């Protein structure tokens, strides 16, 4: 089993919704490789988290994955969440950013997610390839490797502040109290 830092394909997300997709069913492409996610990936991710019995830790720029003796190590949480299955996809639910995590999203210094995950080469639903097998943690990052990654949107953003909001994002923003 290999541990890999890579970003999963993300849907646009309003952080106030506390729901964030980590992996879609099928291929999840990054600049380096494509990682596959199927029913077995979902099962092993949920089972591994259940065995570990801790919430998903969000760190800053993968710095919690560095050795503790590294001067760039930072284990402070940027947030916490739980894993859940939705239509075969893997989602973070009950996402609770810390004050610093929320500030970084709101100020757009880190507006993408990057899960650190284990993967196995196997023959699965989508053929032979690297299949996601468990989630270690998730980083807030400013430079995603995910192809087609979408920005996180803090609830305090206004529709007028972003001309790049899709109509559904603007509707979410209005519904959650954005002006």
Foldseek 3Di string as FASTA:
>chain_A
DAKDWAFFAWDAAAVVQQKTFGHDAAWFDFLVGIAHAFLQQLVLAQVVCVVVVAWAFEAAPCLCVDPPVPPSRDPDGQWTFHWDDDPRTIMTGPIDGDPVNLVCQAVLVFFFKIWTFDWDFDQDPHGTDTYTRHTRHMYRHNDHRTVNHYGHHYLQDAPVVDPPDDPVRNVVSVVSPHD
